[in-house]
Amino acid sequence: MSVAETIRAKLTATLAPEALDIIDESHLHRGHAGDRPGGESHFRLRIVAAAFAGKSRLERQRLVYGALAAELAGTIHALSLATLAPEEAG
């Protein structure tokens, strides 16, 4: 399973998002810190989930980081997040 597929599976199981966009930006970081052969080290995520309603930006990020703890400790070097409650998604 690719890193992106693992991200999708874990966040779907944990947060039941209404929308989840996963963009692998590893190619933009070739030769920089955290670059891995084969990529899949730098990701941008946009997540729309009811689980974020009423939570601060920090609380939302902690939910995502908690779900992806193993990957953040190993394969993922950088993660850019846009975490939205459904009413914020527009």
PDB file of N, CA and C in Angstrom:
ATOM      1  N   MET A   1       0.858  -1.181   0.000  1.00  0.00           N
ATOM      2  CA  MET A   1       0.000   0.000   0.000  1.00  0.00           C
ATOM      3  C   MET A   1       0.898   1.236   0.000  1.00  0.00           C
ATOM      4  N   SER A   2       0.564   2.205  -0.842  1.00  0.00           N
ATOM      5  CA  SER A   2       1.346   3.435  -0.902  1.00  0.00           C
ATOM      6  C   SER A   2       1.100   4.274   0.360  1.00  0.00           C
ATOM      7  N   VAL A   3       1.962   5.244   0.579  1.00  0.00           N
ATOM      8  CA  VAL A   3       1.799   6.135   1.728  1.00  0.00           C
ATOM      9  C   VAL A   3       0.485   6.904   1.602  1.00  0.00           C
ATOM     10  N   ALA A   4       0.165   7.377   0.406  1.00  0.00           N
ATOM     11  CA  ALA A   4      -1.090   8.110   0.195  1.00  0.00           C
ATOM     12  C   ALA A   4      -2.293   7.226   0.506  1.00  0.00           C
ATOM     13  N   GLU A   5      -2.253   5.959   0.102  1.00  0.00           N
ATOM     14  CA  GLU A   5      -3.344   5.026   0.405  1.00  0.00           C
ATOM     15  C   GLU A   5      -3.459   4.780   1.904  1.00  0.00           C
ATOM     16  N   THR A   6      -2.321   4.708   2.584  1.00  0.00           N
ATOM     17  CA  THR A   6      -2.319   4.537   4.043  1.00  0.00           C
ATOM     18  C   THR A   6      -2.920   5.758   4.719  1.00  0.00           C
ATOM     19  N   ILE A   7      -2.549   6.943   4.258  1.00  0.00           N
ATOM     20  CA  ILE A   7      -3.111   8.181   4.799  1.00  0.00           C
ATOM     21  C   ILE A   7      -4.630   8.165   4.630  1.00  0.00           C
ATOM     22  N   ARG A   8      -5.095   7.847   3.433  1.00  0.00           N
ATOM     23  CA  ARG A   8      -6.533   7.823   3.158  1.00  0.00           C
ATOM     24  C   ARG A   8      -7.249   6.809   4.066  1.00  0.00           C
ATOM     25  N   ALA A   9      -6.701   5.626   4.183  1.00  0.00           N
ATOM     26  CA  ALA A   9      -7.330   4.578   4.999  1.00  0.00           C
ATOM     27  C   ALA A   9      -7.403   4.982   6.469  1.00  0.00           C
ATOM     28  N   LYS A  10      -6.312   5.499   7.002  1.00  0.00           N
ATOM     29  CA  LYS A  10      -6.290   5.863   8.424  1.00  0.00           C
ATOM     30  C   LYS A  10      -7.194   7.051   8.732  1.00  0.00           C
ATOM     31  N   LEU A  11      -7.165   8.077   7.889  1.00  0.00           N
ATOM     32  CA  LEU A  11      -8.001   9.246   8.147  1.00  0.00           C
ATOM     33  C   LEU A  11      -9.480   8.929   7.922  1.00  0.00           C
ATOM     34  N   THR A  12      -9.777   8.066   6.973  1.00  0.00           N
ATOM     35  CA  THR A  12     -11.161   7.659   6.752  1.00  0.00           C
ATOM     36  C   THR A  12     -11.685   6.888   7.954  1.00  0.00           C
ATOM     37  N   ALA A  13     -10.878   5.989   8.472  1.00  0.00           N
ATOM     38  CA  ALA A  13     -11.283   5.196   9.637  1.00  0.00           C
ATOM     39  C   ALA A  13     -11.419   6.049  10.892  1.00  0.00           C
ATOM     40  N   THR A  14     -10.552   7.028  11.054  1.00  0.00           N
ATOM     41  CA  THR A  14     -10.528   7.837  12.276  1.00  0.00           C
ATOM     42  C   THR A  14     -11.502   9.008  12.250  1.00  0.00           C
ATOM     43  N   LEU A  15     -11.582   9.720  11.116  1.00  0.00           N
ATOM     44  CA  LEU A  15     -12.335  10.972  11.059  1.00  0.00           C
ATOM     45  C   LEU A  15     -13.582  10.934  10.180  1.00  0.00           C
ATOM     46  N   ALA A  16     -13.769   9.869   9.414  1.00  0.00           N
ATOM     47  CA  ALA A  16     -14.913   9.754   8.505  1.00  0.00           C
ATOM     48  C   ALA A  16     -15.138  11.050   7.718  1.00  0.00           C
ATOM     49  N   PRO A  17     -14.144  11.488   6.970  1.00  0.00           N
ATOM     50  CA  PRO A  17     -14.264  12.770   6.268  1.00  0.00           C
ATOM     51  C   PRO A  17     -15.312  12.748   5.163  1.00  0.00           C
ATOM     52  N   GLU A  18     -15.935  13.910   4.974  1.00  0.00           N
ATOM     53  CA  GLU A  18     -16.848  14.098   3.842  1.00  0.00           C
ATOM     54  C   GLU A  18     -16.052  14.309   2.565  1.00  0.00           C
ATOM     55  N   ALA A  19     -14.874  14.880   2.705  1.00  0.00           N
ATOM     56  CA  ALA A  19     -13.963  15.097   1.575  1.00  0.00           C
ATOM     57  C   ALA A  19     -12.529  14.967   2.079  1.00  0.00           C
ATOM     58  N   LEU A  20     -11.693  14.375   1.262  1.00  0.00           N
ATOM     59  CA  LEU A  20     -10.287  14.211   1.617  1.00  0.00           C
ATOM     60  C   LEU A  20      -9.464  14.268   0.342  1.00  0.00           C
ATOM     61  N   ASP A  21      -8.673  15.324   0.208  1.00  0.00           N
ATOM     62  CA  ASP A  21      -7.767  15.474  -0.928  1.00  0.00           C
ATOM     63  C   ASP A  21      -6.350  15.261  -0.428  1.00  0.00           C
ATOM     64  N   ILE A  22      -5.624  14.380  -1.086  1.00  0.00           N
ATOM     65  CA  ILE A  22      -4.248  14.069  -0.722  1.00  0.00           C
ATOM     66  C   ILE A  22      -3.376  14.375  -1.928  1.00  0.00           C
ATOM     67  N   ILE A  23      -2.459  15.310  -1.764  1.00  0.00           N
ATOM     68  CA  ILE A  23      -1.581  15.714  -2.856  1.00  0.00           C
ATOM     69  C   ILE A  23      -0.138  15.425  -2.447  1.00  0.00           C
ATOM     70  N   ASP A  24       0.513  14.583  -3.219  1.00  0.00           N
ATOM     71  CA  ASP A  24       1.920  14.248  -2.969  1.00  0.00           C
ATOM     72  C   ASP A  24       2.771  15.353  -3.591  1.00  0.00           C
ATOM     73  N   GLU A  25       3.432  16.125  -2.753  1.00  0.00           N
ATOM     74  CA  GLU A  25       4.283  17.231  -3.214  1.00  0.00           C
ATOM     75  C   GLU A  25       5.759  16.896  -3.101  1.00  0.00           C
ATOM     76  N   SER A  26       6.070  15.624  -2.975  1.00  0.00           N
ATOM     77  CA  SER A  26       7.457  15.197  -2.772  1.00  0.00           C
ATOM     78  C   SER A  26       8.383  15.665  -3.888  1.00  0.00           C
ATOM     79  N   HIS A  27       7.869  15.686  -5.121  1.00  0.00           N
ATOM     80  CA  HIS A  27       8.698  16.099  -6.255  1.00  0.00           C
ATOM     81  C   HIS A  27       9.190  17.546  -6.117  1.00  0.00           C
ATOM     82  N   LEU A  28       8.493  18.347  -5.326  1.00  0.00           N
ATOM     83  CA  LEU A  28       8.899  19.741  -5.115  1.00  0.00           C
ATOM     84  C   LEU A  28      10.052  19.866  -4.120  1.00  0.00           C
ATOM     85  N   HIS A  29      10.392  18.766  -3.454  1.00  0.00           N
ATOM     86  CA  HIS A  29      11.384  18.799  -2.383  1.00  0.00           C
ATOM     87  C   HIS A  29      12.585  17.899  -2.666  1.00  0.00           C
ATOM     88  N   ARG A  30      12.766  17.503  -3.912  1.00  0.00           N
ATOM     89  CA  ARG A  30      13.915  16.660  -4.260  1.00  0.00           C
ATOM     90  C   ARG A  30      15.208  17.358  -3.883  1.00  0.00           C
ATOM     91  N   GLY A  31      16.082  16.602  -3.225  1.00  0.00           N
ATOM     92  CA  GLY A  31      17.372  17.146  -2.816  1.00  0.00           C
ATOM     93  C   GLY A  31      17.335  17.900  -1.500  1.00  0.00           C
ATOM     94  N   HIS A  32      16.154  18.057  -0.909  1.00  0.00           N
ATOM     95  CA  HIS A  32      16.021  18.764   0.369  1.00  0.00           C
ATOM     96  C   HIS A  32      15.878  17.766   1.511  1.00  0.00           C
ATOM     97  N   ALA A  33      15.844  18.283   2.717  1.00  0.00           N
ATOM     98  CA  ALA A  33      15.700  17.436   3.903  1.00  0.00           C
ATOM     99  C   ALA A  33      14.438  16.591   3.799  1.00  0.00           C
ATOM    100  N   GLY A  34      14.560  15.342   4.163  1.00  0.00           N
ATOM    101  CA  GLY A  34      13.418  14.447   4.183  1.00  0.00           C
ATOM    102  C   GLY A  34      13.094  13.806   2.853  1.00  0.00           C
ATOM    103  N   ASP A  35      13.820  14.169   1.812  1.00  0.00           N
ATOM    104  CA  ASP A  35      13.587  13.578   0.493  1.00  0.00           C
ATOM    105  C   ASP A  35      13.935  12.091   0.556  1.00  0.00           C
ATOM    106  N   ARG A  36      13.041  11.261  -0.004  1.00  0.00           N
ATOM    107  CA  ARG A  36      13.269   9.821  -0.035  1.00  0.00           C
ATOM    108  C   ARG A  36      13.258   9.342  -1.478  1.00  0.00           C
ATOM    109  N   PRO A  37      14.071   8.358  -1.776  1.00  0.00           N
ATOM    110  CA  PRO A  37      13.972   7.765  -3.120  1.00  0.00           C
ATOM    111  C   PRO A  37      12.548   7.230  -3.315  1.00  0.00           C
ATOM    112  N   GLY A  38      11.949   7.545  -4.420  1.00  0.00           N
ATOM    113  CA  GLY A  38      10.585   7.106  -4.661  1.00  0.00           C
ATOM    114  C   GLY A  38       9.533   8.079  -4.175  1.00  0.00           C
ATOM    115  N   GLY A  39       9.944   9.136  -3.505  1.00  0.00           N
ATOM    116  CA  GLY A  39       8.998  10.168  -3.058  1.00  0.00           C
ATOM    117  C   GLY A  39       8.140   9.737  -1.894  1.00  0.00           C
ATOM    118  N   GLU A  40       6.904  10.196  -1.897  1.00  0.00           N
ATOM    119  CA  GLU A  40       5.928   9.938  -0.837  1.00  0.00           C
ATOM    120  C   GLU A  40       6.444  10.341   0.551  1.00  0.00           C
ATOM    121  N   SER A  41       6.979  11.538   0.623  1.00  0.00           N
ATOM    122  CA  SER A  41       7.498  12.040   1.891  1.00  0.00           C
ATOM    123  C   SER A  41       6.892  13.392   2.287  1.00  0.00           C
ATOM    124  N   HIS A  42       6.358  14.132   1.318  1.00  0.00           N
ATOM    125  CA  HIS A  42       5.791  15.458   1.550  1.00  0.00           C
ATOM    126  C   HIS A  42       4.365  15.500   0.987  1.00  0.00           C
ATOM    127  N   PHE A  43       3.396  15.805   1.852  1.00  0.00           N
ATOM    128  CA  PHE A  43       1.999  15.779   1.429  1.00  0.00           C
ATOM    129  C   PHE A  43       1.252  17.042   1.845  1.00  0.00           C
ATOM    130  N   ARG A  44       0.271  17.403   1.014  1.00  0.00           N
ATOM    131  CA  ARG A  44      -0.681  18.467   1.329  1.00  0.00           C
ATOM    132  C   ARG A  44      -2.044  17.799   1.407  1.00  0.00           C
ATOM    133  N   LEU A  45      -2.756  18.038   2.533  1.00  0.00           N
ATOM    134  CA  LEU A  45      -4.066  17.440   2.745  1.00  0.00           C
ATOM    135  C   LEU A  45      -5.125  18.507   2.940  1.00  0.00           C
ATOM    136  N   ARG A  46      -6.295  18.258   2.366  1.00  0.00           N
ATOM    137  CA  ARG A  46      -7.478  19.072   2.626  1.00  0.00           C
ATOM    138  C   ARG A  46      -8.536  18.091   3.118  1.00  0.00           C
ATOM    139  N   ILE A  47      -8.980  18.290   4.362  1.00  0.00           N
ATOM    140  CA  ILE A  47      -9.909  17.358   4.989  1.00  0.00           C
ATOM    141  C   ILE A  47     -11.139  18.123   5.464  1.00  0.00           C
ATOM    142  N   VAL A  48     -12.302  17.639   5.074  1.00  0.00           N
ATOM    143  CA  VAL A  48     -13.569  18.183   5.551  1.00  0.00           C
ATOM    144  C   VAL A  48     -14.222  17.083   6.372  1.00  0.00           C
ATOM    145  N   ALA A  49     -14.408  17.352   7.681  1.00  0.00           N
ATOM    146  CA  ALA A  49     -14.963  16.324   8.563  1.00  0.00           C
ATOM    147  C   ALA A  49     -15.767  16.951   9.698  1.00  0.00           C
ATOM    148  N   ALA A  50     -16.875  16.321  10.022  1.00  0.00           N
ATOM    149  CA  ALA A  50     -17.707  16.778  11.135  1.00  0.00           C
ATOM    150  C   ALA A  50     -16.939  16.719  12.453  1.00  0.00           C
ATOM    151  N   ALA A  51     -15.946  15.855  12.530  1.00  0.00           N
ATOM    152  CA  ALA A  51     -15.131  15.728  13.748  1.00  0.00           C
ATOM    153  C   ALA A  51     -14.402  17.025  14.095  1.00  0.00           C
ATOM    154  N   PHE A  52     -14.249  17.929  13.127  1.00  0.00           N
ATOM    155  CA  PHE A  52     -13.551  19.196  13.362  1.00  0.00           C
ATOM    156  C   PHE A  52     -14.463  20.299  13.890  1.00  0.00           C
ATOM    157  N   ALA A  53     -15.760  20.097  13.845  1.00  0.00           N
ATOM    158  CA  ALA A  53     -16.708  21.127  14.285  1.00  0.00           C
ATOM    159  C   ALA A  53     -16.456  21.500  15.743  1.00  0.00           C
ATOM    160  N   GLY A  54     -16.372  22.802  15.995  1.00  0.00           N
ATOM    161  CA  GLY A  54     -16.180  23.303  17.348  1.00  0.00           C
ATOM    162  C   GLY A  54     -14.775  23.165  17.897  1.00  0.00           C
ATOM    163  N   LYS A  55     -13.842  22.696  17.077  1.00  0.00           N
ATOM    164  CA  LYS A  55     -12.464  22.509  17.536  1.00  0.00           C
ATOM    165  C   LYS A  55     -11.558  23.599  16.960  1.00  0.00           C
ATOM    166  N   SER A  56     -10.531  23.930  17.712  1.00  0.00           N
ATOM    167  CA  SER A  56      -9.546  24.912  17.250  1.00  0.00           C
ATOM    168  C   SER A  56      -8.671  24.286  16.169  1.00  0.00           C
ATOM    169  N   ARG A  57      -7.930  25.119  15.480  1.00  0.00           N
ATOM    170  CA  ARG A  57      -7.007  24.640  14.451  1.00  0.00           C
ATOM    171  C   ARG A  57      -6.005  23.645  15.042  1.00  0.00           C
ATOM    172  N   LEU A  58      -5.506  23.940  16.221  1.00  0.00           N
ATOM    173  CA  LEU A  58      -4.537  23.059  16.884  1.00  0.00           C
ATOM    174  C   LEU A  58      -5.170  21.717  17.238  1.00  0.00           C
ATOM    175  N   GLU A  59      -6.385  21.733  17.756  1.00  0.00           N
ATOM    176  CA  GLU A  59      -7.073  20.480  18.095  1.00  0.00           C
ATOM    177  C   GLU A  59      -7.308  19.637  16.842  1.00  0.00           C
ATOM    178  N   ARG A  60      -7.652  20.275  15.753  1.00  0.00           N
ATOM    179  CA  ARG A  60      -7.873  19.567  14.484  1.00  0.00           C
ATOM    180  C   ARG A  60      -6.580  18.919  14.000  1.00  0.00           C
ATOM    181  N   GLN A  61      -5.493  19.680  14.057  1.00  0.00           N
ATOM    182  CA  GLN A  61      -4.201  19.142  13.634  1.00  0.00           C
ATOM    183  C   GLN A  61      -3.782  17.973  14.505  1.00  0.00           C
ATOM    184  N   ARG A  62      -4.041  18.057  15.788  1.00  0.00           N
ATOM    185  CA  ARG A  62      -3.690  16.954  16.694  1.00  0.00           C
ATOM    186  C   ARG A  62      -4.463  15.681  16.353  1.00  0.00           C
ATOM    187  N   LEU A  63      -5.716  15.826  15.925  1.00  0.00           N
ATOM    188  CA  LEU A  63      -6.491  14.651  15.509  1.00  0.00           C
ATOM    189  C   LEU A  63      -5.840  13.974  14.300  1.00  0.00           C
ATOM    190  N   VAL A  64      -5.415  14.780  13.335  1.00  0.00           N
ATOM    191  CA  VAL A  64      -4.773  14.238  12.139  1.00  0.00           C
ATOM    192  C   VAL A  64      -3.421  13.631  12.498  1.00  0.00           C
ATOM    193  N   TYR A  65      -2.613  14.355  13.257  1.00  0.00           N
ATOM    194  CA  TYR A  65      -1.293  13.852  13.641  1.00  0.00           C
ATOM    195  C   TYR A  65      -1.406  12.564  14.453  1.00  0.00           C
ATOM    196  N   GLY A  66      -2.414  12.472  15.303  1.00  0.00           N
ATOM    197  CA  GLY A  66      -2.621  11.252  16.087  1.00  0.00           C
ATOM    198  C   GLY A  66      -2.940  10.063  15.199  1.00  0.00           C
ATOM    199  N   ALA A  67      -3.774  10.289  14.191  1.00  0.00           N
ATOM    200  CA  ALA A  67      -4.142   9.207  13.275  1.00  0.00           C
ATOM    201  C   ALA A  67      -2.954   8.747  12.434  1.00  0.00           C
ATOM    202  N   LEU A  68      -2.037   9.660  12.159  1.00  0.00           N
ATOM    203  CA  LEU A  68      -0.898   9.359  11.288  1.00  0.00           C
ATOM    204  C   LEU A  68       0.432   9.294  12.041  1.00  0.00           C
ATOM    205  N   ALA A  69       0.382   9.025  13.331  1.00  0.00           N
ATOM    206  CA  ALA A  69       1.582   9.048  14.178  1.00  0.00           C
ATOM    207  C   ALA A  69       2.694   8.138  13.653  1.00  0.00           C
ATOM    208  N   ALA A  70       2.359   6.932  13.262  1.00  0.00           N
ATOM    209  CA  ALA A  70       3.386   5.991  12.789  1.00  0.00           C
ATOM    210  C   ALA A  70       4.049   6.504  11.511  1.00  0.00           C
ATOM    211  N   GLU A  71       3.258   7.046  10.602  1.00  0.00           N
ATOM    212  CA  GLU A  71       3.804   7.559   9.348  1.00  0.00           C
ATOM    213  C   GLU A  71       4.645   8.811   9.571  1.00  0.00           C
ATOM    214  N   LEU A  72       4.210   9.669  10.482  1.00  0.00           N
ATOM    215  CA  LEU A  72       4.974  10.884  10.780  1.00  0.00           C
ATOM    216  C   LEU A  72       6.297  10.553  11.468  1.00  0.00           C
ATOM    217  N   ALA A  73       6.348   9.428  12.153  1.00  0.00           N
ATOM    218  CA  ALA A  73       7.590   9.001  12.798  1.00  0.00           C
ATOM    219  C   ALA A  73       8.527   8.318  11.811  1.00  0.00           C
ATOM    220  N   GLY A  74       8.030   8.031  10.613  1.00  0.00           N
ATOM    221  CA  GLY A  74       8.858   7.305   9.658  1.00  0.00           C
ATOM    222  C   GLY A  74       8.834   7.881   8.266  1.00  0.00           C
ATOM    223  N   THR A  75       7.824   7.538   7.483  1.00  0.00           N
ATOM    224  CA  THR A  75       7.842   7.832   6.053  1.00  0.00           C
ATOM    225  C   THR A  75       7.461   9.259   5.673  1.00  0.00           C
ATOM    226  N   ILE A  76       6.621   9.919   6.456  1.00  0.00           N
ATOM    227  CA  ILE A  76       6.199  11.283   6.118  1.00  0.00           C
ATOM    228  C   ILE A  76       7.139  12.288   6.767  1.00  0.00           C
ATOM    229  N   HIS A  77       7.729  13.129   5.936  1.00  0.00           N
ATOM    230  CA  HIS A  77       8.630  14.168   6.450  1.00  0.00           C
ATOM    231  C   HIS A  77       7.880  15.478   6.691  1.00  0.00           C
ATOM    232  N   ALA A  78       6.927  15.803   5.809  1.00  0.00           N
ATOM    233  CA  ALA A  78       6.212  17.074   5.921  1.00  0.00           C
ATOM    234  C   ALA A  78       4.750  16.869   5.554  1.00  0.00           C
ATOM    235  N   LEU A  79       3.897  17.577   6.296  1.00  0.00           N
ATOM    236  CA  LEU A  79       2.460  17.468   6.107  1.00  0.00           C
ATOM    237  C   LEU A  79       1.849  18.854   6.225  1.00  0.00           C
ATOM    238  N   SER A  80       1.229  19.322   5.159  1.00  0.00           N
ATOM    239  CA  SER A  80       0.544  20.607   5.158  1.00  0.00           C
ATOM    240  C   SER A  80      -0.950  20.319   5.252  1.00  0.00           C
ATOM    241  N   LEU A  81      -1.640  20.970   6.187  1.00  0.00           N
ATOM    242  CA  LEU A  81      -3.035  20.636   6.453  1.00  0.00           C
ATOM    243  C   LEU A  81      -3.991  21.803   6.268  1.00  0.00           C
ATOM    244  N   ALA A  82      -5.119  21.504   5.649  1.00  0.00           N
ATOM    245  CA  ALA A  82      -6.290  22.381   5.658  1.00  0.00           C
ATOM    246  C   ALA A  82      -7.393  21.512   6.256  1.00  0.00           C
ATOM    247  N   THR A  83      -7.797  21.833   7.486  1.00  0.00           N
ATOM    248  CA  THR A  83      -8.778  21.034   8.210  1.00  0.00           C
ATOM    249  C   THR A  83     -10.046  21.869   8.375  1.00  0.00           C
ATOM    250  N   LEU A  84     -11.150  21.399   7.794  1.00  0.00           N
ATOM    251  CA  LEU A  84     -12.384  22.167   7.774  1.00  0.00           C
ATOM    252  C   LEU A  84     -13.561  21.357   8.298  1.00  0.00           C
ATOM    253  N   ALA A  85     -14.432  22.026   9.048  1.00  0.00           N
ATOM    254  CA  ALA A  85     -15.723  21.447   9.396  1.00  0.00           C
ATOM    255  C   ALA A  85     -16.610  21.618   8.164  1.00  0.00           C
ATOM    256  N   PRO A  86     -17.633  20.778   7.995  1.00  0.00           N
ATOM    257  CA  PRO A  86     -18.471  20.851   6.794  1.00  0.00           C
ATOM    258  C   PRO A  86     -19.031  22.253   6.513  1.00  0.00           C
ATOM    259  N   GLU A  87     -19.443  22.976   7.536  1.00  0.00           N
ATOM    260  CA  GLU A  87     -20.021  24.318   7.325  1.00  0.00           C
ATOM    261  C   GLU A  87     -18.967  25.343   6.860  1.00  0.00           C
ATOM    262  N   GLU A  88     -17.687  25.018   7.026  1.00  0.00           N
ATOM    263  CA  GLU A  88     -16.609  25.910   6.603  1.00  0.00           C
ATOM    264  C   GLU A  88     -16.169  25.625   5.164  1.00  0.00           C
ATOM    265  N   ALA A  89     -16.543  24.479   4.657  1.00  0.00           N
ATOM    266  CA  ALA A  89     -16.042  24.052   3.346  1.00  0.00           C
ATOM    267  C   ALA A  89     -16.692  24.789   2.184  1.00  0.00           C
ATOM    268  N   GLY A  90     -17.876  25.317   2.426  1.00  0.00           N
ATOM    269  CA  GLY A  90     -18.534  26.112   1.406  1.00  0.00           C
ATOM    270  C   GLY A  90     -19.156  25.413   0.285  1.00  0.00           C
TER     271      GLY A  90
END
